[in-house]
Amino acid sequence: MRAIITLCNHDNGRFAVQTDRGFCVLQLRGDHDIDEGDVLEGDFSRPGIELFKNLTQVEELQAEVLEPQVTPFTADRMVKQG
C-alpha cells in the first residue's frame, strides 16, 4: 500500500501518512530524513514495527505504526504532541 506523508514532527520522530483508507500515525525508528510529501510503500494496516520504502528518497526506513486508522484531527494532535 502507498501513502503520502502529510505531517512530520522532527523533534519527536512522529509523522502522519494518508493512505486510501485514511490517516495513520507512525513513530520513526532510527535516523532517517523524511519530509511532508514523501511517498512511502508498506503495510500501514496494523500496529507494530514495519520496514517501509521511501519511494521519493529511494531508501528504506523502519517505523512503528502507532495508530492505523485515525481522523485527520487525531493524527495532527498525536504527531504534534507526541
Protein backbone atom coordinates (compact mmCIF):
# COMPACT_ATOMS: atom_id res chain seq x y z
CA MET A 1 0.00 0.00 0.00
CA ARG A 2 1.21 3.51 -0.76
CA ALA A 3 0.84 6.56 1.47
CA ILE A 4 1.84 10.20 1.41
CA ILE A 5 3.46 11.83 4.45
CA THR A 6 1.15 14.67 5.46
CA LEU A 7 2.75 15.85 8.70
CA CYS A 8 6.19 15.43 10.33
CA ASN A 9 7.43 16.30 13.80
CA HIS A 10 11.21 16.04 13.57
CA ASP A 11 11.54 16.71 17.32
CA ASN A 12 9.78 13.53 18.44
CA GLY A 13 10.05 11.38 15.29
CA ARG A 14 6.31 11.05 14.79
CA PHE A 15 4.63 11.52 11.46
CA ALA A 16 1.27 11.02 9.79
CA VAL A 17 0.51 9.50 6.42
CA GLN A 18 -2.60 9.39 4.29
CA THR A 19 -3.50 6.11 2.63
CA ASP A 20 -6.52 5.22 0.52
CA ARG A 21 -8.11 4.06 3.82
CA GLY A 22 -7.46 7.22 5.84
CA PHE A 23 -4.75 8.53 8.13
CA CYS A 24 -2.12 6.62 10.13
CA VAL A 25 0.30 7.80 12.80
CA LEU A 26 3.82 6.36 12.90
CA GLN A 27 6.96 6.64 15.03
CA LEU A 28 10.24 6.73 13.13
CA ARG A 29 12.90 4.24 14.21
CA GLY A 30 16.49 5.20 13.52
CA ASP A 31 17.94 8.25 11.82
CA HIS A 32 16.12 8.84 8.55
CA ASP A 33 15.33 12.02 6.69
CA ILE A 34 11.64 12.23 5.84
CA ASP A 35 9.64 15.16 4.55
CA GLU A 36 6.00 16.03 4.02
CA GLY A 37 5.02 14.91 0.53
CA ASP A 38 7.29 11.84 0.51
CA VAL A 39 5.61 8.69 -0.80
CA LEU A 40 6.01 5.55 1.31
CA GLU A 41 5.19 1.97 0.46
CA GLY A 42 4.47 -0.76 3.02
CA ASP A 43 1.87 -2.20 5.38
CA PHE A 44 0.01 0.52 7.27
CA SER A 45 -2.93 -1.70 8.26
CA ARG A 46 -1.91 -2.87 11.76
CA PRO A 47 0.09 -1.62 14.75
CA GLY A 48 3.71 -2.70 15.01
CA ILE A 49 7.18 -2.12 13.61
CA GLU A 50 7.43 -2.34 9.84
CA LEU A 51 10.00 -1.74 7.13
CA PHE A 52 8.85 0.86 4.60
CA LYS A 53 10.23 2.03 1.28
CA ASN A 54 10.51 5.77 0.82
CA LEU A 55 9.92 5.95 -2.92
CA THR A 56 10.66 9.68 -3.03
CA GLN A 57 14.10 9.48 -1.42
CA VAL A 58 14.86 5.93 -2.62
CA GLU A 59 15.65 4.41 0.77
CA GLU A 60 14.20 2.02 3.31
CA LEU A 61 13.19 3.09 6.78
CA GLN A 62 11.85 1.41 9.87
CA ALA A 63 8.87 2.87 11.68
CA GLU A 64 6.27 1.74 14.18
CA VAL A 65 2.63 2.06 13.17
CA LEU A 66 1.07 3.53 16.31
CA GLU A 67 -2.49 4.03 15.06
CA PRO A 68 -3.51 2.54 11.71
CA GLN A 69 -6.78 4.45 11.21
CA VAL A 70 -7.44 7.84 12.78
CA THR A 71 -9.17 11.07 11.85
CA PRO A 72 -7.10 13.95 10.47
CA PHE A 73 -7.66 15.83 13.76
CA THR A 74 -6.39 12.92 15.87
CA ALA A 75 -3.38 12.40 13.59
CA ASP A 76 -2.48 16.09 13.88
CA ARG A 77 -2.78 16.02 17.68
CA MET A 78 -0.76 12.81 18.07
CA VAL A 79 2.06 13.99 15.81
CA LYS A 80 2.36 17.47 17.29
CA GLN A 81 2.02 16.50 20.96
CA GLY A 82 3.89 13.22 20.79
